[in-house]
Amino acid sequence: MDLATGDLASGDVLITDGVITEAAEQIDAPDAEVIDATGRIVLPDFVDIHRHTWQTQFCGLGADWTFDDYMTMIASAARVERC
């Protein structure tokens, strides 16, 4: 995602207060919590994608909806989904 850094086959990502502050092959941050993501792909901005992906269909459909309209439609969709 950073053209200066490029893609890393293996590396470290430092997150400070919920923001990516550094990405490099190796970061010296002795007090950081370590999460082993070996064998995984790490990308920014894919938070809770399982929920937001389906909501994109409402972007065009409900462009002129009020918040109340949106909540009514979401509640209706949730009731149908459970059936």
PDB file of N, CA and C in Angstrom:
ATOM      1  N   MET A   1       0.806  -1.196   0.000  1.00  0.00           N
ATOM      2  CA  MET A   1       0.000   0.000   0.000  1.00  0.00           C
ATOM      3  C   MET A   1       0.851   1.263   0.000  1.00  0.00           C
ATOM      4  N   ASP A   2       2.114   1.121   0.372  1.00  0.00           N
ATOM      5  CA  ASP A   2       3.042   2.250   0.363  1.00  0.00           C
ATOM      6  C   ASP A   2       4.067   1.991  -0.727  1.00  0.00           C
ATOM      7  N   LEU A   3       4.060   2.812  -1.763  1.00  0.00           N
ATOM      8  CA  LEU A   3       4.958   2.588  -2.884  1.00  0.00           C
ATOM      9  C   LEU A   3       6.424   2.642  -2.468  1.00  0.00           C
ATOM     10  N   ALA A   4       6.746   3.443  -1.462  1.00  0.00           N
ATOM     11  CA  ALA A   4       8.133   3.534  -0.993  1.00  0.00           C
ATOM     12  C   ALA A   4       8.575   2.231  -0.334  1.00  0.00           C
ATOM     13  N   THR A   5       7.673   1.581   0.396  1.00  0.00           N
ATOM     14  CA  THR A   5       7.999   0.324   1.072  1.00  0.00           C
ATOM     15  C   THR A   5       7.841  -0.859   0.133  1.00  0.00           C
ATOM     16  N   GLY A   6       6.795  -0.835  -0.672  1.00  0.00           N
ATOM     17  CA  GLY A   6       6.511  -1.950  -1.567  1.00  0.00           C
ATOM     18  C   GLY A   6       5.883  -3.108  -0.811  1.00  0.00           C
ATOM     19  N   ASP A   7       5.737  -4.234  -1.497  1.00  0.00           N
ATOM     20  CA  ASP A   7       5.177  -5.435  -0.871  1.00  0.00           C
ATOM     21  C   ASP A   7       6.287  -6.175  -0.136  1.00  0.00           C
ATOM     22  N   LEU A   8       5.994  -6.636   1.040  1.00  0.00           N
ATOM     23  CA  LEU A   8       6.952  -7.398   1.832  1.00  0.00           C
ATOM     24  C   LEU A   8       6.508  -8.859   1.869  1.00  0.00           C
ATOM     25  N   ALA A   9       7.394  -9.747   1.514  1.00  0.00           N
ATOM     26  CA  ALA A   9       7.064 -11.173   1.604  1.00  0.00           C
ATOM     27  C   ALA A   9       6.924 -11.588   3.058  1.00  0.00           C
ATOM     28  N   SER A  10       7.687 -10.940   3.921  1.00  0.00           N
ATOM     29  CA  SER A  10       7.639 -11.194   5.352  1.00  0.00           C
ATOM     30  C   SER A  10       8.060  -9.908   6.040  1.00  0.00           C
ATOM     31  N   GLY A  11       7.402  -9.559   7.122  1.00  0.00           N
ATOM     32  CA  GLY A  11       7.785  -8.325   7.786  1.00  0.00           C
ATOM     33  C   GLY A  11       6.989  -8.046   9.029  1.00  0.00           C
ATOM     34  N   ASP A  12       7.190  -6.852   9.551  1.00  0.00           N
ATOM     35  CA  ASP A  12       6.528  -6.402  10.769  1.00  0.00           C
ATOM     36  C   ASP A  12       5.662  -5.187  10.465  1.00  0.00           C
ATOM     37  N   VAL A  13       4.599  -5.059  11.226  1.00  0.00           N
ATOM     38  CA  VAL A  13       3.723  -3.892  11.148  1.00  0.00           C
ATOM     39  C   VAL A  13       3.588  -3.349  12.563  1.00  0.00           C
ATOM     40  N   LEU A  14       3.880  -2.075  12.731  1.00  0.00           N
ATOM     41  CA  LEU A  14       3.750  -1.436  14.039  1.00  0.00           C
ATOM     42  C   LEU A  14       2.490  -0.586  14.036  1.00  0.00           C
ATOM     43  N   ILE A  15       1.625  -0.842  15.016  1.00  0.00           N
ATOM     44  CA  ILE A  15       0.371  -0.105  15.140  1.00  0.00           C
ATOM     45  C   ILE A  15       0.409   0.649  16.455  1.00  0.00           C
ATOM     46  N   THR A  16       0.188   1.958  16.382  1.00  0.00           N
ATOM     47  CA  THR A  16       0.196   2.815  17.557  1.00  0.00           C
ATOM     48  C   THR A  16      -1.149   3.516  17.659  1.00  0.00           C
ATOM     49  N   ASP A  17      -1.873   3.276  18.752  1.00  0.00           N
ATOM     50  CA  ASP A  17      -3.198   3.877  18.952  1.00  0.00           C
ATOM     51  C   ASP A  17      -4.129   3.625  17.777  1.00  0.00           C
ATOM     52  N   GLY A  18      -4.098   2.405  17.240  1.00  0.00           N
ATOM     53  CA  GLY A  18      -5.010   2.012  16.176  1.00  0.00           C
ATOM     54  C   GLY A  18      -4.604   2.469  14.790  1.00  0.00           C
ATOM     55  N   VAL A  19      -3.406   3.044  14.639  1.00  0.00           N
ATOM     56  CA  VAL A  19      -2.950   3.551  13.349  1.00  0.00           C
ATOM     57  C   VAL A  19      -1.636   2.861  12.982  1.00  0.00           C
ATOM     58  N   ILE A  20      -1.532   2.409  11.723  1.00  0.00           N
ATOM     59  CA  ILE A  20      -0.277   1.824  11.266  1.00  0.00           C
ATOM     60  C   ILE A  20       0.759   2.942  11.201  1.00  0.00           C
ATOM     61  N   THR A  21       1.829   2.803  11.988  1.00  0.00           N
ATOM     62  CA  THR A  21       2.857   3.838  12.019  1.00  0.00           C
ATOM     63  C   THR A  21       4.148   3.406  11.328  1.00  0.00           C
ATOM     64  N   GLU A  22       4.285   2.110  11.084  1.00  0.00           N
ATOM     65  CA  GLU A  22       5.493   1.639  10.402  1.00  0.00           C
ATOM     66  C   GLU A  22       5.255   0.240   9.852  1.00  0.00           C
ATOM     67  N   ALA A  23       5.820  -0.025   8.696  1.00  0.00           N
ATOM     68  CA  ALA A  23       5.838  -1.366   8.113  1.00  0.00           C
ATOM     69  C   ALA A  23       7.229  -1.566   7.527  1.00  0.00           C
ATOM     70  N   ALA A  24       7.886  -2.641   7.908  1.00  0.00           N
ATOM     71  CA  ALA A  24       9.260  -2.904   7.463  1.00  0.00           C
ATOM     72  C   ALA A  24       9.561  -4.380   7.632  1.00  0.00           C
ATOM     73  N   GLU A  25      10.682  -4.812   7.065  1.00  0.00           N
ATOM     74  CA  GLU A  25      11.085  -6.211   7.212  1.00  0.00           C
ATOM     75  C   GLU A  25      11.295  -6.576   8.671  1.00  0.00           C
ATOM     76  N   GLN A  26      11.820  -5.636   9.458  1.00  0.00           N
ATOM     77  CA  GLN A  26      11.992  -5.879  10.896  1.00  0.00           C
ATOM     78  C   GLN A  26      11.893  -4.554  11.637  1.00  0.00           C
ATOM     79  N   ILE A  27      11.083  -4.530  12.690  1.00  0.00           N
ATOM     80  CA  ILE A  27      10.888  -3.324  13.501  1.00  0.00           C
ATOM     81  C   ILE A  27      11.333  -3.639  14.920  1.00  0.00           C
ATOM     82  N   ASP A  28      12.136  -2.759  15.478  1.00  0.00           N
ATOM     83  CA  ASP A  28      12.584  -2.922  16.864  1.00  0.00           C
ATOM     84  C   ASP A  28      11.617  -2.167  17.772  1.00  0.00           C
ATOM     85  N   ALA A  29      10.713  -2.890  18.391  1.00  0.00           N
ATOM     86  CA  ALA A  29       9.732  -2.301  19.309  1.00  0.00           C
ATOM     87  C   ALA A  29       9.557  -3.268  20.480  1.00  0.00           C
ATOM     88  N   PRO A  30      10.503  -3.268  21.417  1.00  0.00           N
ATOM     89  CA  PRO A  30      10.520  -4.281  22.481  1.00  0.00           C
ATOM     90  C   PRO A  30       9.283  -4.295  23.382  1.00  0.00           C
ATOM     91  N   ASP A  31       8.583  -3.175  23.525  1.00  0.00           N
ATOM     92  CA  ASP A  31       7.414  -3.131  24.401  1.00  0.00           C
ATOM     93  C   ASP A  31       6.102  -3.432  23.678  1.00  0.00           C
ATOM     94  N   ALA A  32       6.169  -3.690  22.378  1.00  0.00           N
ATOM     95  CA  ALA A  32       4.953  -3.916  21.592  1.00  0.00           C
ATOM     96  C   ALA A  32       4.376  -5.310  21.839  1.00  0.00           C
ATOM     97  N   GLU A  33       3.059  -5.407  21.771  1.00  0.00           N
ATOM     98  CA  GLU A  33       2.400  -6.716  21.808  1.00  0.00           C
ATOM     99  C   GLU A  33       2.637  -7.376  20.458  1.00  0.00           C
ATOM    100  N   VAL A  34       3.008  -8.627  20.451  1.00  0.00           N
ATOM    101  CA  VAL A  34       3.308  -9.332  19.208  1.00  0.00           C
ATOM    102  C   VAL A  34       2.151 -10.261  18.869  1.00  0.00           C
ATOM    103  N   ILE A  35       1.682 -10.146  17.644  1.00  0.00           N
ATOM    104  CA  ILE A  35       0.657 -11.051  17.116  1.00  0.00           C
ATOM    105  C   ILE A  35       1.288 -11.791  15.953  1.00  0.00           C
ATOM    106  N   ASP A  36       1.358 -13.104  16.049  1.00  0.00           N
ATOM    107  CA  ASP A  36       1.982 -13.903  14.997  1.00  0.00           C
ATOM    108  C   ASP A  36       0.976 -14.092  13.863  1.00  0.00           C
ATOM    109  N   ALA A  37       1.253 -13.465  12.725  1.00  0.00           N
ATOM    110  CA  ALA A  37       0.378 -13.575  11.559  1.00  0.00           C
ATOM    111  C   ALA A  37       1.086 -14.351  10.448  1.00  0.00           C
ATOM    112  N   THR A  38       1.948 -15.269  10.839  1.00  0.00           N
ATOM    113  CA  THR A  38       2.667 -16.096   9.871  1.00  0.00           C
ATOM    114  C   THR A  38       1.666 -16.805   8.964  1.00  0.00           C
ATOM    115  N   GLY A  39       1.918 -16.744   7.662  1.00  0.00           N
ATOM    116  CA  GLY A  39       1.033 -17.396   6.697  1.00  0.00           C
ATOM    117  C   GLY A  39      -0.214 -16.591   6.378  1.00  0.00           C
ATOM    118  N   ARG A  40      -0.289 -15.372   6.854  1.00  0.00           N
ATOM    119  CA  ARG A  40      -1.454 -14.509   6.631  1.00  0.00           C
ATOM    120  C   ARG A  40      -1.056 -13.316   5.771  1.00  0.00           C
ATOM    121  N   ILE A  41      -2.034 -12.659   5.210  1.00  0.00           N
ATOM    122  CA  ILE A  41      -1.827 -11.415   4.473  1.00  0.00           C
ATOM    123  C   ILE A  41      -2.338 -10.284   5.349  1.00  0.00           C
ATOM    124  N   VAL A  42      -1.529  -9.269   5.545  1.00  0.00           N
ATOM    125  CA  VAL A  42      -1.904  -8.131   6.380  1.00  0.00           C
ATOM    126  C   VAL A  42      -2.137  -6.933   5.471  1.00  0.00           C
ATOM    127  N   LEU A  43      -3.358  -6.400   5.503  1.00  0.00           N
ATOM    128  CA  LEU A  43      -3.723  -5.237   4.690  1.00  0.00           C
ATOM    129  C   LEU A  43      -4.444  -4.224   5.572  1.00  0.00           C
ATOM    130  N   PRO A  44      -4.265  -2.942   5.315  1.00  0.00           N
ATOM    131  CA  PRO A  44      -5.006  -1.938   6.087  1.00  0.00           C
ATOM    132  C   PRO A  44      -6.453  -1.841   5.620  1.00  0.00           C
ATOM    133  N   ASP A  45      -7.318  -1.391   6.506  1.00  0.00           N
ATOM    134  CA  ASP A  45      -8.707  -1.042   6.186  1.00  0.00           C
ATOM    135  C   ASP A  45      -9.657  -2.195   5.945  1.00  0.00           C
ATOM    136  N   PHE A  46      -9.279  -3.411   6.245  1.00  0.00           N
ATOM    137  CA  PHE A  46     -10.224  -4.511   6.130  1.00  0.00           C
ATOM    138  C   PHE A  46     -10.733  -4.877   7.513  1.00  0.00           C
ATOM    139  N   VAL A  47     -11.411  -3.942   8.139  1.00  0.00           N
ATOM    140  CA  VAL A  47     -11.933  -4.141   9.479  1.00  0.00           C
ATOM    141  C   VAL A  47     -13.409  -4.509   9.360  1.00  0.00           C
ATOM    142  N   ASP A  48     -13.790  -5.625   9.932  1.00  0.00           N
ATOM    143  CA  ASP A  48     -15.195  -6.036   9.972  1.00  0.00           C
ATOM    144  C   ASP A  48     -15.798  -6.116   8.571  1.00  0.00           C
ATOM    145  N   ILE A  49     -15.042  -6.640   7.616  1.00  0.00           N
ATOM    146  CA  ILE A  49     -15.505  -6.693   6.234  1.00  0.00           C
ATOM    147  C   ILE A  49     -16.746  -7.577   6.075  1.00  0.00           C
ATOM    148  N   HIS A  50     -16.925  -8.557   6.945  1.00  0.00           N
ATOM    149  CA  HIS A  50     -18.080  -9.436   6.818  1.00  0.00           C
ATOM    150  C   HIS A  50     -19.390  -8.677   6.978  1.00  0.00           C
ATOM    151  N   ARG A  51     -19.373  -7.590   7.691  1.00  0.00           N
ATOM    152  CA  ARG A  51     -20.590  -6.831   7.912  1.00  0.00           C
ATOM    153  C   ARG A  51     -20.752  -5.710   6.882  1.00  0.00           C
ATOM    154  N   HIS A  52     -19.680  -5.024   6.554  1.00  0.00           N
ATOM    155  CA  HIS A  52     -19.787  -3.865   5.676  1.00  0.00           C
ATOM    156  C   HIS A  52     -19.948  -4.243   4.208  1.00  0.00           C
ATOM    157  N   THR A  53     -19.493  -5.403   3.809  1.00  0.00           N
ATOM    158  CA  THR A  53     -19.596  -5.807   2.409  1.00  0.00           C
ATOM    159  C   THR A  53     -21.046  -5.854   1.952  1.00  0.00           C
ATOM    160  N   TRP A  54     -21.901  -6.470   2.715  1.00  0.00           N
ATOM    161  CA  TRP A  54     -23.293  -6.577   2.286  1.00  0.00           C
ATOM    162  C   TRP A  54     -24.001  -5.236   2.337  1.00  0.00           C
ATOM    163  N   GLN A  55     -23.525  -4.303   3.163  1.00  0.00           N
ATOM    164  CA  GLN A  55     -24.178  -3.000   3.265  1.00  0.00           C
ATOM    165  C   GLN A  55     -23.967  -2.130   2.029  1.00  0.00           C
ATOM    166  N   THR A  56     -22.949  -2.438   1.215  1.00  0.00           N
ATOM    167  CA  THR A  56     -22.688  -1.614   0.040  1.00  0.00           C
ATOM    168  C   THR A  56     -23.846  -1.641  -0.949  1.00  0.00           C
ATOM    169  N   GLN A  57     -24.623  -2.688  -0.945  1.00  0.00           N
ATOM    170  CA  GLN A  57     -25.761  -2.747  -1.867  1.00  0.00           C
ATOM    171  C   GLN A  57     -26.796  -1.655  -1.582  1.00  0.00           C
ATOM    172  N   PHE A  58     -26.816  -1.129  -0.366  1.00  0.00           N
ATOM    173  CA  PHE A  58     -27.763  -0.081  -0.027  1.00  0.00           C
ATOM    174  C   PHE A  58     -27.293   1.300  -0.477  1.00  0.00           C
ATOM    175  N   CYS A  59     -26.023   1.430  -0.892  1.00  0.00           N
ATOM    176  CA  CYS A  59     -25.498   2.752  -1.277  1.00  0.00           C
ATOM    177  C   CYS A  59     -26.316   3.378  -2.393  1.00  0.00           C
ATOM    178  N   GLY A  60     -26.571   2.640  -3.464  1.00  0.00           N
ATOM    179  CA  GLY A  60     -27.352   3.180  -4.576  1.00  0.00           C
ATOM    180  C   GLY A  60     -28.846   3.103  -4.309  1.00  0.00           C
ATOM    181  N   LEU A  61     -29.270   2.022  -3.705  1.00  0.00           N
ATOM    182  CA  LEU A  61     -30.685   1.803  -3.442  1.00  0.00           C
ATOM    183  C   LEU A  61     -31.245   2.836  -2.480  1.00  0.00           C
ATOM    184  N   GLY A  62     -30.485   3.149  -1.439  1.00  0.00           N
ATOM    185  CA  GLY A  62     -31.002   4.045  -0.411  1.00  0.00           C
ATOM    186  C   GLY A  62     -30.333   5.406  -0.380  1.00  0.00           C
ATOM    187  N   ALA A  63     -29.886   5.883  -1.529  1.00  0.00           N
ATOM    188  CA  ALA A  63     -29.148   7.146  -1.559  1.00  0.00           C
ATOM    189  C   ALA A  63     -29.963   8.320  -1.013  1.00  0.00           C
ATOM    190  N   ASP A  64     -31.273   8.259  -1.166  1.00  0.00           N
ATOM    191  CA  ASP A  64     -32.114   9.371  -0.693  1.00  0.00           C
ATOM    192  C   ASP A  64     -32.875   9.022   0.588  1.00  0.00           C
ATOM    193  N   TRP A  65     -32.503   7.912   1.231  1.00  0.00           N
ATOM    194  CA  TRP A  65     -33.175   7.520   2.465  1.00  0.00           C
ATOM    195  C   TRP A  65     -32.733   8.398   3.631  1.00  0.00           C
ATOM    196  N   THR A  66     -33.638   8.565   4.568  1.00  0.00           N
ATOM    197  CA  THR A  66     -33.270   9.158   5.847  1.00  0.00           C
ATOM    198  C   THR A  66     -32.664   8.045   6.706  1.00  0.00           C
ATOM    199  N   PHE A  67     -32.098   8.414   7.836  1.00  0.00           N
ATOM    200  CA  PHE A  67     -31.557   7.400   8.730  1.00  0.00           C
ATOM    201  C   PHE A  67     -32.672   6.461   9.204  1.00  0.00           C
ATOM    202  N   ASP A  68     -33.858   7.017   9.479  1.00  0.00           N
ATOM    203  CA  ASP A  68     -34.991   6.179   9.901  1.00  0.00           C
ATOM    204  C   ASP A  68     -35.374   5.195   8.804  1.00  0.00           C
ATOM    205  N   ASP A  69     -35.396   5.646   7.543  1.00  0.00           N
ATOM    206  CA  ASP A  69     -35.688   4.747   6.423  1.00  0.00           C
ATOM    207  C   ASP A  69     -34.678   3.604   6.373  1.00  0.00           C
ATOM    208  N   TYR A  70     -33.405   3.965   6.526  1.00  0.00           N
ATOM    209  CA  TYR A  70     -32.334   2.964   6.489  1.00  0.00           C
ATOM    210  C   TYR A  70     -32.530   1.926   7.587  1.00  0.00           C
ATOM    211  N   MET A  71     -32.763   2.394   8.813  1.00  0.00           N
ATOM    212  CA  MET A  71     -32.925   1.466   9.932  1.00  0.00           C
ATOM    213  C   MET A  71     -34.146   0.571   9.738  1.00  0.00           C
ATOM    214  N   THR A  72     -35.214   1.112   9.185  1.00  0.00           N
ATOM    215  CA  THR A  72     -36.416   0.313   8.916  1.00  0.00           C
ATOM    216  C   THR A  72     -36.105  -0.788   7.905  1.00  0.00           C
ATOM    217  N   MET A  73     -35.379  -0.431   6.845  1.00  0.00           N
ATOM    218  CA  MET A  73     -35.043  -1.420   5.821  1.00  0.00           C
ATOM    219  C   MET A  73     -34.078  -2.481   6.364  1.00  0.00           C
ATOM    220  N   ILE A  74     -33.113  -2.071   7.179  1.00  0.00           N
ATOM    221  CA  ILE A  74     -32.170  -3.028   7.757  1.00  0.00           C
ATOM    222  C   ILE A  74     -32.898  -3.991   8.685  1.00  0.00           C
ATOM    223  N   ALA A  75     -33.797  -3.458   9.497  1.00  0.00           N
ATOM    224  CA  ALA A  75     -34.571  -4.312  10.406  1.00  0.00           C
ATOM    225  C   ALA A  75     -35.435  -5.284   9.612  1.00  0.00           C
ATOM    226  N   SER A  76     -36.032  -4.808   8.518  1.00  0.00           N
ATOM    227  CA  SER A  76     -36.851  -5.684   7.670  1.00  0.00           C
ATOM    228  C   SER A  76     -36.001  -6.782   7.052  1.00  0.00           C
ATOM    229  N   ALA A  77     -34.820  -6.409   6.566  1.00  0.00           N
ATOM    230  CA  ALA A  77     -33.929  -7.391   5.955  1.00  0.00           C
ATOM    231  C   ALA A  77     -33.477  -8.424   6.984  1.00  0.00           C
ATOM    232  N   ALA A  78     -33.221  -7.993   8.204  1.00  0.00           N
ATOM    233  CA  ALA A  78     -32.794  -8.911   9.255  1.00  0.00           C
ATOM    234  C   ALA A  78     -33.902  -9.907   9.585  1.00  0.00           C
ATOM    235  N   ARG A  79     -35.162  -9.442   9.599  1.00  0.00           N
ATOM    236  CA  ARG A  79     -36.275 -10.354   9.884  1.00  0.00           C
ATOM    237  C   ARG A  79     -36.411 -11.380   8.776  1.00  0.00           C
ATOM    238  N   VAL A  80     -36.254 -10.968   7.519  1.00  0.00           N
ATOM    239  CA  VAL A  80     -36.367 -11.887   6.403  1.00  0.00           C
ATOM    240  C   VAL A  80     -35.233 -12.898   6.434  1.00  0.00           C
ATOM    241  N   GLU A  81     -34.019 -12.433   6.770  1.00  0.00           N
ATOM    242  CA  GLU A  81     -32.861 -13.304   6.811  1.00  0.00           C
ATOM    243  C   GLU A  81     -33.016 -14.415   7.840  1.00  0.00           C
ATOM    244  N   ARG A  82     -33.655 -14.116   8.965  1.00  0.00           N
ATOM    245  CA  ARG A  82     -33.820 -15.124  10.019  1.00  0.00           C
ATOM    246  C   ARG A  82     -34.858 -16.179   9.667  1.00  0.00           C
ATOM    247  N   CYS A  83     -35.752 -15.881   8.756  1.00  0.00           N
ATOM    248  CA  CYS A  83     -36.813 -16.824   8.416  1.00  0.00           C
ATOM    249  C   CYS A  83     -36.321 -18.034   7.666  1.00  0.00           C
TER     250      CYS A  83
END
